[in-house]
Amino acid sequence: MTFPRAFLALSLLLFPAALVQADVTVAEKDDRVRVEIDGKLFTEYRFRGAPQVYFYPLIGPGGAKMTRSWPMEEAPNEEHDHPHHRSLWFAHGLVNGVDFWTEPASFGKKPPTHPLGQIVHQKFLELRGGAKDGVISSLNHWVAPEGVLLQSVQTVRVHAGQNEERLIDFEVTLTAADKEVVLGDTKEGSMAVRINESMRMMQPGKKPGLGHALNSEGQRDGEVWGKRAAWVDYSGPVDGQTLGIAFFDHPGNPGHPNRWHARDYGLFAANPFCAHEMDKTQPAGSGARKIAPGASLKYRYRLVLHAGDGAAAQVAQRFTDYCAAIP
């Protein structure tokens, strides 16, 4: 299903932040929670079988799959790089020297550069569907070789929007256990999406792709990586139509606006803990954040799966609407 650009622009102008009534169902199974909107799969929260918890797939306008299938599933024309890029997830590569971002398969026959941790699901705090949205709230432990360093409460709200848009409000609260936690200055993090391969700016073999990135500062494509911005939009072709994912960093987040680990091969991540590793003019380690024992940090994000590119979707206005709706 395609959407004419003129129609998109008019509808978004008239209804810039409108949500629509939709039946959202949330159903727990043995290893996942299935989320459907009006009887159709939108995503699944997968909490077993991997070193981290994650959401796969993400289904956008027209039923298009917006994230890479591998390593969860085999699909044609997909590269098998970075097996830790599992659709949509929150993790970090340097927590008290422990790597929660990558996993054993990421290194092949080479030894890991840091000890590896796991983000382990403990229990659900809320599972709810409804006529306006669906909620999945869960408690997770960040388990290092020496024990639990952090616990995180991760709450995701799913909404339907105009023109088959899908909106995800993601909130995560990180609480240190019985000793100080340092979230280190590294580019390997944190709130991340691995987009559909067809949306990439650079295709396999260094062939130019048809995808494009745009940020709140007006920077585009390769200029987006490592820059501070309130939002980034990544768009490209999926199943014969142009679709995009707008990714908002809430202004209340510590360190806002964060830097973006947005790669031409399809990784797309908001990283609030990186400074020097993305900008060598900054002091070493200056992006790190400390959490005292028992203290917490909270981060909020919104993702909008939309038709058209960032301009057609009026992402700048959508970010303004988001800030007004969730102060």
C-alpha atoms as a PDB file:
ATOM      1  CA  MET A   1       0.000   0.000   0.000  1.00  0.00           C
ATOM      2  CA  THR A   2       1.484   3.407  -0.968  1.00  0.00           C
ATOM      3  CA  PHE A   3       0.628   6.881   0.265  1.00  0.00           C
ATOM      4  CA  PRO A   4       0.827   9.917  -2.091  1.00  0.00           C
ATOM      5  CA  ARG A   5       3.159  12.596  -0.728  1.00  0.00           C
ATOM      6  CA  ALA A   6       0.560  15.379  -1.030  1.00  0.00           C
ATOM      7  CA  PHE A   7      -1.984  13.358   0.931  1.00  0.00           C
ATOM      8  CA  LEU A   8       0.579  12.569   3.614  1.00  0.00           C
ATOM      9  CA  ALA A   9       1.596  16.191   4.035  1.00  0.00           C
ATOM     10  CA  LEU A  10      -2.026  17.385   4.278  1.00  0.00           C
ATOM     11  CA  SER A  11      -3.099  14.697   6.733  1.00  0.00           C
ATOM     12  CA  LEU A  12      -0.104  15.239   8.980  1.00  0.00           C
ATOM     13  CA  LEU A  13      -0.638  18.986   8.911  1.00  0.00           C
ATOM     14  CA  LEU A  14      -4.238  18.593   9.994  1.00  0.00           C
ATOM     15  CA  PHE A  15      -3.517  15.860  12.547  1.00  0.00           C
ATOM     16  CA  PRO A  16       0.168  16.282  13.525  1.00  0.00           C
ATOM     17  CA  ALA A  17       0.078  14.133  16.648  1.00  0.00           C
ATOM     18  CA  ALA A  18      -3.254  12.326  16.380  1.00  0.00           C
ATOM     19  CA  LEU A  19      -3.633   8.841  17.732  1.00  0.00           C
ATOM     20  CA  VAL A  20      -6.470   6.661  16.570  1.00  0.00           C
ATOM     21  CA  GLN A  21      -8.711   4.154  18.273  1.00  0.00           C
ATOM     22  CA  ALA A  22      -7.336   0.672  17.744  1.00  0.00           C
ATOM     23  CA  ASP A  23      -7.735  -2.602  19.580  1.00  0.00           C
ATOM     24  CA  VAL A  24      -4.331  -3.430  21.053  1.00  0.00           C
ATOM     25  CA  THR A  25      -3.990  -6.936  22.471  1.00  0.00           C
ATOM     26  CA  VAL A  26      -1.086  -8.078  24.647  1.00  0.00           C
ATOM     27  CA  ALA A  27      -0.742 -11.837  25.131  1.00  0.00           C
ATOM     28  CA  GLU A  28       1.936 -13.583  27.206  1.00  0.00           C
ATOM     29  CA  LYS A  29       3.437 -16.835  25.912  1.00  0.00           C
ATOM     30  CA  ASP A  30       6.276 -19.039  27.186  1.00  0.00           C
ATOM     31  CA  ASP A  31       9.153 -16.963  25.833  1.00  0.00           C
ATOM     32  CA  ARG A  32       7.554 -13.795  24.472  1.00  0.00           C
ATOM     33  CA  VAL A  33       4.663 -11.357  24.653  1.00  0.00           C
ATOM     34  CA  ARG A  34       2.750 -10.895  21.415  1.00  0.00           C
ATOM     35  CA  VAL A  35       1.340  -7.466  20.609  1.00  0.00           C
ATOM     36  CA  GLU A  36      -1.388  -7.162  17.967  1.00  0.00           C
ATOM     37  CA  ILE A  37      -3.134  -4.045  16.690  1.00  0.00           C
ATOM     38  CA  ASP A  38      -6.619  -4.675  15.297  1.00  0.00           C
ATOM     39  CA  GLY A  39      -5.826  -8.397  15.119  1.00  0.00           C
ATOM     40  CA  LYS A  40      -2.523  -8.025  13.220  1.00  0.00           C
ATOM     41  CA  LEU A  41       0.945  -8.644  14.614  1.00  0.00           C
ATOM     42  CA  PHE A  42       2.869  -5.483  15.470  1.00  0.00           C
ATOM     43  CA  THR A  43       5.727  -6.799  17.604  1.00  0.00           C
ATOM     44  CA  GLU A  44       6.770  -9.372  20.190  1.00  0.00           C
ATOM     45  CA  TYR A  45       8.710  -8.751  23.385  1.00  0.00           C
ATOM     46  CA  ARG A  46      11.148 -11.661  23.463  1.00  0.00           C
ATOM     47  CA  PHE A  47      12.571 -12.364  26.885  1.00  0.00           C
ATOM     48  CA  ARG A  48      14.223 -15.778  26.567  1.00  0.00           C
ATOM     49  CA  GLY A  49      16.808 -17.426  24.328  1.00  0.00           C
ATOM     50  CA  ALA A  50      19.264 -14.521  23.942  1.00  0.00           C
ATOM     51  CA  PRO A  51      21.731 -12.608  26.151  1.00  0.00           C
ATOM     52  CA  GLN A  52      19.411  -9.568  26.087  1.00  0.00           C
ATOM     53  CA  VAL A  53      15.700  -8.859  25.904  1.00  0.00           C
ATOM     54  CA  TYR A  54      14.402  -7.292  22.690  1.00  0.00           C
ATOM     55  CA  PHE A  55      11.395  -6.531  20.456  1.00  0.00           C
ATOM     56  CA  TYR A  56      11.000  -8.311  17.118  1.00  0.00           C
ATOM     57  CA  PRO A  57       9.638  -7.713  14.537  1.00  0.00           C
ATOM     58  CA  LEU A  58       8.449  -4.115  14.139  1.00  0.00           C
ATOM     59  CA  ILE A  59       5.617  -3.945  11.609  1.00  0.00           C
ATOM     60  CA  GLY A  60       4.983  -0.552  10.029  1.00  0.00           C
ATOM     61  CA  PRO A  61       2.517   0.992   7.555  1.00  0.00           C
ATOM     62  CA  GLY A  62       1.140  -1.388   4.948  1.00  0.00           C
ATOM     63  CA  GLY A  63       2.275  -4.404   6.985  1.00  0.00           C
ATOM     64  CA  ALA A  64       5.932  -3.781   6.126  1.00  0.00           C
ATOM     65  CA  LYS A  65       8.628  -5.298   8.321  1.00  0.00           C
ATOM     66  CA  MET A  66      10.763  -2.366   9.477  1.00  0.00           C
ATOM     67  CA  THR A  67      13.686  -4.225  11.105  1.00  0.00           C
ATOM     68  CA  ARG A  68      16.177  -6.846   9.983  1.00  0.00           C
ATOM     69  CA  SER A  69      15.093 -10.471  10.414  1.00  0.00           C
ATOM     70  CA  TRP A  70      18.497 -12.011  11.235  1.00  0.00           C
ATOM     71  CA  PRO A  71      19.567 -13.433  13.668  1.00  0.00           C
ATOM     72  CA  MET A  72      16.008 -14.249  14.779  1.00  0.00           C
ATOM     73  CA  GLU A  73      15.044 -15.582  11.345  1.00  0.00           C
ATOM     74  CA  GLU A  74      16.648 -16.217   7.969  1.00  0.00           C
ATOM     75  CA  ALA A  75      15.540 -13.909   5.175  1.00  0.00           C
ATOM     76  CA  PRO A  76      16.850 -13.327   1.643  1.00  0.00           C
ATOM     77  CA  ASN A  77      19.307 -10.507   0.903  1.00  0.00           C
ATOM     78  CA  GLU A  78      20.330  -9.940   4.508  1.00  0.00           C
ATOM     79  CA  GLU A  79      23.890  -9.696   5.797  1.00  0.00           C
ATOM     80  CA  HIS A  80      24.835 -11.704   8.869  1.00  0.00           C
ATOM     81  CA  ASP A  81      26.930  -9.086  10.622  1.00  0.00           C
ATOM     82  CA  HIS A  82      26.590  -8.039  14.265  1.00  0.00           C
ATOM     83  CA  PRO A  83      24.454 -10.902  15.638  1.00  0.00           C
ATOM     84  CA  HIS A  84      23.710  -8.793  18.719  1.00  0.00           C
ATOM     85  CA  HIS A  85      21.634  -6.354  16.621  1.00  0.00           C
ATOM     86  CA  ARG A  86      18.257  -7.780  17.596  1.00  0.00           C
ATOM     87  CA  SER A  87      15.634  -5.516  16.035  1.00  0.00           C
ATOM     88  CA  LEU A  88      14.846  -3.109  18.931  1.00  0.00           C
ATOM     89  CA  TRP A  89      16.629  -3.230  22.274  1.00  0.00           C
ATOM     90  CA  PHE A  90      18.263  -1.268  25.109  1.00  0.00           C
ATOM     91  CA  ALA A  91      21.737  -2.257  26.293  1.00  0.00           C
ATOM     92  CA  HIS A  92      25.194  -0.790  26.840  1.00  0.00           C
ATOM     93  CA  GLY A  93      28.717  -1.920  26.050  1.00  0.00           C
ATOM     94  CA  LEU A  94      30.598  -0.796  29.158  1.00  0.00           C
ATOM     95  CA  VAL A  95      29.006  -1.138  32.603  1.00  0.00           C
ATOM     96  CA  ASN A  96      31.665  -1.351  35.314  1.00  0.00           C
ATOM     97  CA  GLY A  97      33.887  -2.771  32.583  1.00  0.00           C
ATOM     98  CA  VAL A  98      31.331  -5.416  31.533  1.00  0.00           C
ATOM     99  CA  ASP A  99      29.893  -5.557  28.002  1.00  0.00           C
ATOM    100  CA  PHE A 100      26.102  -5.915  27.876  1.00  0.00           C
ATOM    101  CA  TRP A 101      25.906  -4.834  24.214  1.00  0.00           C
ATOM    102  CA  THR A 102      27.577  -7.678  22.354  1.00  0.00           C
ATOM    103  CA  GLU A 103      27.335 -11.432  22.876  1.00  0.00           C
ATOM    104  CA  PRO A 104      29.591 -14.470  22.340  1.00  0.00           C
ATOM    105  CA  ALA A 105      28.529 -14.934  18.703  1.00  0.00           C
ATOM    106  CA  SER A 106      29.628 -11.356  17.981  1.00  0.00           C
ATOM    107  CA  PHE A 107      33.306 -12.283  18.334  1.00  0.00           C
ATOM    108  CA  GLY A 108      33.508 -15.517  16.339  1.00  0.00           C
ATOM    109  CA  LYS A 109      36.743 -17.262  17.324  1.00  0.00           C
ATOM    110  CA  LYS A 110      38.248 -14.138  18.864  1.00  0.00           C
ATOM    111  CA  PRO A 111      38.054 -13.640  22.641  1.00  0.00           C
ATOM    112  CA  PRO A 112      35.824 -10.816  23.877  1.00  0.00           C
ATOM    113  CA  THR A 113      37.576  -7.560  24.702  1.00  0.00           C
ATOM    114  CA  HIS A 114      35.615  -7.257  27.981  1.00  0.00           C
ATOM    115  CA  PRO A 115      33.707  -9.692  30.192  1.00  0.00           C
ATOM    116  CA  LEU A 116      30.214 -10.251  28.837  1.00  0.00           C
ATOM    117  CA  GLY A 117      27.000  -9.704  30.763  1.00  0.00           C
ATOM    118  CA  GLN A 118      23.369 -10.631  30.188  1.00  0.00           C
ATOM    119  CA  ILE A 119      20.122  -8.702  30.604  1.00  0.00           C
ATOM    120  CA  VAL A 120      17.815 -11.267  32.213  1.00  0.00           C
ATOM    121  CA  HIS A 121      14.037 -10.951  32.443  1.00  0.00           C
ATOM    122  CA  GLN A 122      12.721 -11.378  35.993  1.00  0.00           C
ATOM    123  CA  LYS A 123       8.998 -10.674  35.930  1.00  0.00           C
ATOM    124  CA  PHE A 124       6.241  -8.568  34.430  1.00  0.00           C
ATOM    125  CA  LEU A 125       4.996  -5.560  36.340  1.00  0.00           C
ATOM    126  CA  GLU A 126       2.143  -4.814  33.923  1.00  0.00           C
ATOM    127  CA  LEU A 127       0.710  -6.441  30.818  1.00  0.00           C
ATOM    128  CA  ARG A 128      -2.313  -4.676  29.393  1.00  0.00           C
ATOM    129  CA  GLY A 129      -4.126  -4.183  26.139  1.00  0.00           C
ATOM    130  CA  GLY A 130      -6.945  -1.806  25.356  1.00  0.00           C
ATOM    131  CA  ALA A 131      -8.810   0.369  22.901  1.00  0.00           C
ATOM    132  CA  LYS A 132      -6.165   3.130  22.956  1.00  0.00           C
ATOM    133  CA  ASP A 133      -2.839   1.449  23.699  1.00  0.00           C
ATOM    134  CA  GLY A 134      -1.019  -1.584  25.038  1.00  0.00           C
ATOM    135  CA  VAL A 135       1.563  -1.722  27.842  1.00  0.00           C
ATOM    136  CA  ILE A 136       4.420  -4.095  28.625  1.00  0.00           C
ATOM    137  CA  SER A 137       6.339  -3.293  31.804  1.00  0.00           C
ATOM    138  CA  SER A 138       9.039  -5.660  33.001  1.00  0.00           C
ATOM    139  CA  LEU A 139      11.808  -5.981  35.578  1.00  0.00           C
ATOM    140  CA  ASN A 140      15.207  -7.086  34.256  1.00  0.00           C
ATOM    141  CA  HIS A 141      18.546  -7.807  35.935  1.00  0.00           C
ATOM    142  CA  TRP A 142      21.876  -6.855  34.354  1.00  0.00           C
ATOM    143  CA  VAL A 143      23.951  -9.860  35.356  1.00  0.00           C
ATOM    144  CA  ALA A 144      27.753  -9.629  35.224  1.00  0.00           C
ATOM    145  CA  PRO A 145      30.148 -12.510  35.972  1.00  0.00           C
ATOM    146  CA  GLU A 146      30.367 -11.237  39.572  1.00  0.00           C
ATOM    147  CA  GLY A 147      26.595 -10.796  40.012  1.00  0.00           C
ATOM    148  CA  VAL A 148      23.810  -8.275  39.417  1.00  0.00           C
ATOM    149  CA  LEU A 149      25.087  -4.745  38.707  1.00  0.00           C
ATOM    150  CA  LEU A 150      21.826  -3.084  37.729  1.00  0.00           C
ATOM    151  CA  GLN A 151      18.138  -3.683  37.611  1.00  0.00           C
ATOM    152  CA  SER A 152      16.042  -2.026  34.946  1.00  0.00           C
ATOM    153  CA  VAL A 153      12.334  -1.388  34.781  1.00  0.00           C
ATOM    154  CA  GLN A 154      11.421  -1.197  31.108  1.00  0.00           C
ATOM    155  CA  THR A 155       7.972   0.099  30.138  1.00  0.00           C
ATOM    156  CA  VAL A 156       6.757   0.158  26.545  1.00  0.00           C
ATOM    157  CA  ARG A 157       3.476   1.712  25.404  1.00  0.00           C
ATOM    158  CA  VAL A 158       2.227   0.936  21.905  1.00  0.00           C
ATOM    159  CA  HIS A 159      -0.194   3.205  20.029  1.00  0.00           C
ATOM    160  CA  ALA A 160      -1.721   3.298  16.565  1.00  0.00           C
ATOM    161  CA  GLY A 161      -1.573   6.527  14.591  1.00  0.00           C
ATOM    162  CA  GLN A 162      -2.909   8.039  11.389  1.00  0.00           C
ATOM    163  CA  ASN A 163      -2.196   6.300   8.063  1.00  0.00           C
ATOM    164  CA  GLU A 164      -1.258   3.005   9.744  1.00  0.00           C
ATOM    165  CA  GLU A 165       1.506   4.650  11.773  1.00  0.00           C
ATOM    166  CA  ARG A 166       2.771   2.828  14.826  1.00  0.00           C
ATOM    167  CA  LEU A 167       4.116   4.664  17.888  1.00  0.00           C
ATOM    168  CA  ILE A 168       6.258   3.218  20.666  1.00  0.00           C
ATOM    169  CA  ASP A 169       6.891   5.102  23.901  1.00  0.00           C
ATOM    170  CA  PHE A 170       9.878   3.488  25.601  1.00  0.00           C
ATOM    171  CA  GLU A 171      10.868   4.246  29.195  1.00  0.00           C
ATOM    172  CA  VAL A 172      13.711   2.588  31.079  1.00  0.00           C
ATOM    173  CA  THR A 173      14.795   3.210  34.682  1.00  0.00           C
ATOM    174  CA  LEU A 174      18.250   1.934  35.620  1.00  0.00           C
ATOM    175  CA  THR A 175      18.875   1.325  39.340  1.00  0.00           C
ATOM    176  CA  ALA A 176      22.274   0.390  40.747  1.00  0.00           C
ATOM    177  CA  ALA A 177      22.476  -2.612  43.049  1.00  0.00           C
ATOM    178  CA  ASP A 178      24.707  -2.530  46.150  1.00  0.00           C
ATOM    179  CA  LYS A 179      27.687  -0.721  44.628  1.00  0.00           C
ATOM    180  CA  GLU A 180      28.309   2.244  42.352  1.00  0.00           C
ATOM    181  CA  VAL A 181      27.712   1.633  38.656  1.00  0.00           C
ATOM    182  CA  VAL A 182      29.602   3.456  35.916  1.00  0.00           C
ATOM    183  CA  LEU A 183      28.034   3.482  32.462  1.00  0.00           C
ATOM    184  CA  GLY A 184      31.198   3.989  30.452  1.00  0.00           C
ATOM    185  CA  ASP A 185      32.029   6.270  27.530  1.00  0.00           C
ATOM    186  CA  THR A 186      31.669   3.944  24.539  1.00  0.00           C
ATOM    187  CA  LYS A 187      29.960   4.133  21.184  1.00  0.00           C
ATOM    188  CA  GLU A 188      28.532   0.634  21.750  1.00  0.00           C
ATOM    189  CA  GLY A 189      25.039   1.543  22.931  1.00  0.00           C
ATOM    190  CA  SER A 190      22.314   2.080  23.848  1.00  0.00           C
ATOM    191  CA  MET A 191      18.630   2.487  22.774  1.00  0.00           C
ATOM    192  CA  ALA A 192      18.893   0.832  19.392  1.00  0.00           C
ATOM    193  CA  VAL A 193      17.167  -0.316  16.203  1.00  0.00           C
ATOM    194  CA  ARG A 194      18.587  -2.405  13.349  1.00  0.00           C
ATOM    195  CA  ILE A 195      16.483  -1.335  10.365  1.00  0.00           C
ATOM    196  CA  ASN A 196      15.284  -3.368   7.391  1.00  0.00           C
ATOM    197  CA  GLU A 197      18.212  -4.048   5.053  1.00  0.00           C
ATOM    198  CA  SER A 198      16.482  -2.368   2.104  1.00  0.00           C
ATOM    199  CA  MET A 199      16.447   0.959   4.039  1.00  0.00           C
ATOM    200  CA  ARG A 200      20.228   1.134   4.434  1.00  0.00           C
ATOM    201  CA  MET A 201      22.269   4.097   3.233  1.00  0.00           C
ATOM    202  CA  MET A 202      24.998   1.666   2.143  1.00  0.00           C
ATOM    203  CA  GLN A 203      24.192  -1.757   0.750  1.00  0.00           C
ATOM    204  CA  PRO A 204      26.490  -4.827   0.897  1.00  0.00           C
ATOM    205  CA  GLY A 205      29.661  -4.529  -1.135  1.00  0.00           C
ATOM    206  CA  LYS A 206      29.814  -0.762  -0.448  1.00  0.00           C
ATOM    207  CA  LYS A 207      27.080  -0.146  -3.006  1.00  0.00           C
ATOM    208  CA  PRO A 208      25.115   3.064  -2.434  1.00  0.00           C
ATOM    209  CA  GLY A 209      21.704   2.443  -0.917  1.00  0.00           C
ATOM    210  CA  LEU A 210      18.447   4.369  -1.134  1.00  0.00           C
ATOM    211  CA  GLY A 211      18.102   5.074   2.578  1.00  0.00           C
ATOM    212  CA  HIS A 212      18.617   8.474   4.170  1.00  0.00           C
ATOM    213  CA  ALA A 213      19.082   9.866   7.669  1.00  0.00           C
ATOM    214  CA  LEU A 214      18.075  13.340   8.835  1.00  0.00           C
ATOM    215  CA  ASN A 215      18.513  14.881  12.291  1.00  0.00           C
ATOM    216  CA  SER A 216      17.063  17.835  14.181  1.00  0.00           C
ATOM    217  CA  GLU A 217      20.121  19.959  13.295  1.00  0.00           C
ATOM    218  CA  GLY A 218      19.577  19.530   9.556  1.00  0.00           C
ATOM    219  CA  GLN A 219      22.500  17.134   9.153  1.00  0.00           C
ATOM    220  CA  ARG A 220      22.025  14.258   6.744  1.00  0.00           C
ATOM    221  CA  ASP A 221      23.186  10.732   6.072  1.00  0.00           C
ATOM    222  CA  GLY A 222      26.805  10.140   7.155  1.00  0.00           C
ATOM    223  CA  GLU A 223      26.944  13.505   8.955  1.00  0.00           C
ATOM    224  CA  VAL A 224      24.428  12.219  11.526  1.00  0.00           C
ATOM    225  CA  TRP A 225      26.815   9.737  13.165  1.00  0.00           C
ATOM    226  CA  GLY A 226      28.186  10.900  16.508  1.00  0.00           C
ATOM    227  CA  LYS A 227      26.381  14.247  16.474  1.00  0.00           C
ATOM    228  CA  ARG A 228      24.139  15.586  19.210  1.00  0.00           C
ATOM    229  CA  ALA A 229      20.515  15.894  18.123  1.00  0.00           C
ATOM    230  CA  ALA A 230      17.039  15.846  19.663  1.00  0.00           C
ATOM    231  CA  TRP A 231      15.820  13.404  17.023  1.00  0.00           C
ATOM    232  CA  VAL A 232      16.915  11.381  14.012  1.00  0.00           C
ATOM    233  CA  ASP A 233      14.779  10.005  11.199  1.00  0.00           C
ATOM    234  CA  TYR A 234      15.968   7.062   9.092  1.00  0.00           C
ATOM    235  CA  SER A 235      13.927   6.337   5.961  1.00  0.00           C
ATOM    236  CA  GLY A 236      14.153   4.229   2.826  1.00  0.00           C
ATOM    237  CA  PRO A 237      12.325   1.772   0.581  1.00  0.00           C
ATOM    238  CA  VAL A 238      10.494  -1.253   2.001  1.00  0.00           C
ATOM    239  CA  ASP A 239       8.344  -3.425  -0.252  1.00  0.00           C
ATOM    240  CA  GLY A 240       8.053  -0.725  -2.910  1.00  0.00           C
ATOM    241  CA  GLN A 241       7.160   2.190  -0.610  1.00  0.00           C
ATOM    242  CA  THR A 242       9.175   4.777   1.271  1.00  0.00           C
ATOM    243  CA  LEU A 243       8.908   4.299   5.032  1.00  0.00           C
ATOM    244  CA  GLY A 244      10.770   5.692   7.987  1.00  0.00           C
ATOM    245  CA  ILE A 245      11.448   5.459  11.699  1.00  0.00           C
ATOM    246  CA  ALA A 246      11.554   8.733  13.631  1.00  0.00           C
ATOM    247  CA  PHE A 247      13.454   8.369  16.907  1.00  0.00           C
ATOM    248  CA  PHE A 248      12.962  11.022  19.630  1.00  0.00           C
ATOM    249  CA  ASP A 249      15.246  11.675  22.606  1.00  0.00           C
ATOM    250  CA  HIS A 250      13.054  13.139  25.367  1.00  0.00           C
ATOM    251  CA  PRO A 251      14.341  16.564  26.541  1.00  0.00           C
ATOM    252  CA  GLY A 252      14.152  15.402  30.157  1.00  0.00           C
ATOM    253  CA  ASN A 253      16.738  12.679  29.585  1.00  0.00           C
ATOM    254  CA  PRO A 254      20.104  13.144  31.318  1.00  0.00           C
ATOM    255  CA  GLY A 255      22.560  14.555  28.788  1.00  0.00           C
ATOM    256  CA  HIS A 256      19.893  15.557  26.241  1.00  0.00           C
ATOM    257  CA  PRO A 257      20.417  15.894  23.363  1.00  0.00           C
ATOM    258  CA  ASN A 258      22.370  12.663  23.136  1.00  0.00           C
ATOM    259  CA  ARG A 259      24.731  11.496  20.414  1.00  0.00           C
ATOM    260  CA  TRP A 260      23.595   9.070  17.730  1.00  0.00           C
ATOM    261  CA  HIS A 261      25.260   5.828  16.753  1.00  0.00           C
ATOM    262  CA  ALA A 262      23.582   5.920  13.310  1.00  0.00           C
ATOM    263  CA  ARG A 263      25.457   3.793  10.773  1.00  0.00           C
ATOM    264  CA  ASP A 264      25.113   3.591   6.996  1.00  0.00           C
ATOM    265  CA  TYR A 265      24.639  -0.216   7.253  1.00  0.00           C
ATOM    266  CA  GLY A 266      21.454   0.125   9.299  1.00  0.00           C
ATOM    267  CA  LEU A 267      22.242   0.470  13.003  1.00  0.00           C
ATOM    268  CA  PHE A 268      20.343   3.374  14.498  1.00  0.00           C
ATOM    269  CA  ALA A 269      20.939   4.083  18.197  1.00  0.00           C
ATOM    270  CA  ALA A 270      20.529   6.881  20.744  1.00  0.00           C
ATOM    271  CA  ASN A 271      23.587   6.877  22.999  1.00  0.00           C
ATOM    272  CA  PRO A 272      23.451   9.094  26.113  1.00  0.00           C
ATOM    273  CA  PHE A 273      26.745   7.759  27.512  1.00  0.00           C
ATOM    274  CA  CYS A 274      29.199   8.651  24.752  1.00  0.00           C
ATOM    275  CA  ALA A 275      31.329  11.758  24.247  1.00  0.00           C
ATOM    276  CA  HIS A 276      35.040  11.074  23.632  1.00  0.00           C
ATOM    277  CA  GLU A 277      34.450   7.866  21.665  1.00  0.00           C
ATOM    278  CA  MET A 278      32.417   9.807  19.090  1.00  0.00           C
ATOM    279  CA  ASP A 279      34.268  13.133  19.341  1.00  0.00           C
ATOM    280  CA  LYS A 280      37.985  12.941  20.110  1.00  0.00           C
ATOM    281  CA  THR A 281      38.043  16.653  21.000  1.00  0.00           C
ATOM    282  CA  GLN A 282      36.190  15.731  24.207  1.00  0.00           C
ATOM    283  CA  PRO A 283      38.093  14.513  27.292  1.00  0.00           C
ATOM    284  CA  ALA A 284      38.495  10.747  27.592  1.00  0.00           C
ATOM    285  CA  GLY A 285      35.656   9.224  29.571  1.00  0.00           C
ATOM    286  CA  SER A 286      33.648  12.450  29.695  1.00  0.00           C
ATOM    287  CA  GLY A 287      30.486  10.722  28.445  1.00  0.00           C
ATOM    288  CA  ALA A 288      30.384   8.264  31.360  1.00  0.00           C
ATOM    289  CA  ARG A 289      27.642   8.477  33.987  1.00  0.00           C
ATOM    290  CA  LYS A 290      27.723   7.184  37.535  1.00  0.00           C
ATOM    291  CA  ILE A 291      24.812   5.747  39.499  1.00  0.00           C
ATOM    292  CA  ALA A 292      25.269   5.569  43.279  1.00  0.00           C
ATOM    293  CA  PRO A 293      24.196   2.401  45.097  1.00  0.00           C
ATOM    294  CA  GLY A 294      20.400   2.247  45.102  1.00  0.00           C
ATOM    295  CA  ALA A 295      20.067   5.379  42.936  1.00  0.00           C
ATOM    296  CA  SER A 296      18.456   5.520  39.493  1.00  0.00           C
ATOM    297  CA  LEU A 297      18.600   7.117  36.051  1.00  0.00           C
ATOM    298  CA  LYS A 298      15.547   7.305  33.796  1.00  0.00           C
ATOM    299  CA  TYR A 299      15.438   7.625  30.007  1.00  0.00           C
ATOM    300  CA  ARG A 300      12.454   8.125  27.708  1.00  0.00           C
ATOM    301  CA  TYR A 301      12.188   7.791  23.935  1.00  0.00           C
ATOM    302  CA  ARG A 302       9.533   7.692  21.254  1.00  0.00           C
ATOM    303  CA  LEU A 303       9.694   5.846  17.937  1.00  0.00           C
ATOM    304  CA  VAL A 304       7.251   6.638  15.140  1.00  0.00           C
ATOM    305  CA  LEU A 305       6.999   4.146  12.261  1.00  0.00           C
ATOM    306  CA  HIS A 306       5.668   6.282   9.452  1.00  0.00           C
ATOM    307  CA  ALA A 307       5.049   6.474   5.711  1.00  0.00           C
ATOM    308  CA  GLY A 308       7.231   8.771   3.604  1.00  0.00           C
ATOM    309  CA  ASP A 309      10.585  10.286   4.491  1.00  0.00           C
ATOM    310  CA  GLY A 310      11.320  12.591   7.425  1.00  0.00           C
ATOM    311  CA  ALA A 311      10.139  15.699   5.592  1.00  0.00           C
ATOM    312  CA  ALA A 312       6.851  14.153   4.457  1.00  0.00           C
ATOM    313  CA  ALA A 313       6.200  12.879   7.973  1.00  0.00           C
ATOM    314  CA  GLN A 314       6.888  16.344   9.443  1.00  0.00           C
ATOM    315  CA  VAL A 315       9.145  14.828  12.061  1.00  0.00           C
ATOM    316  CA  ALA A 316      10.255  18.181  13.509  1.00  0.00           C
ATOM    317  CA  GLN A 317       6.646  19.065  14.331  1.00  0.00           C
ATOM    318  CA  ARG A 318       6.014  15.571  15.641  1.00  0.00           C
ATOM    319  CA  PHE A 319       8.892  15.981  18.083  1.00  0.00           C
ATOM    320  CA  THR A 320       7.390  19.256  19.326  1.00  0.00           C
ATOM    321  CA  ASP A 321       4.046  17.502  19.794  1.00  0.00           C
ATOM    322  CA  TYR A 322       5.761  14.683  21.690  1.00  0.00           C
ATOM    323  CA  CYS A 323       7.428  17.100  24.102  1.00  0.00           C
ATOM    324  CA  ALA A 324       4.095  18.814  24.750  1.00  0.00           C
ATOM    325  CA  ALA A 325       2.244  15.522  25.278  1.00  0.00           C
ATOM    326  CA  ILE A 326       4.859  13.955  27.568  1.00  0.00           C
ATOM    327  CA  PRO A 327       6.528  16.806  29.507  1.00  0.00           C
END
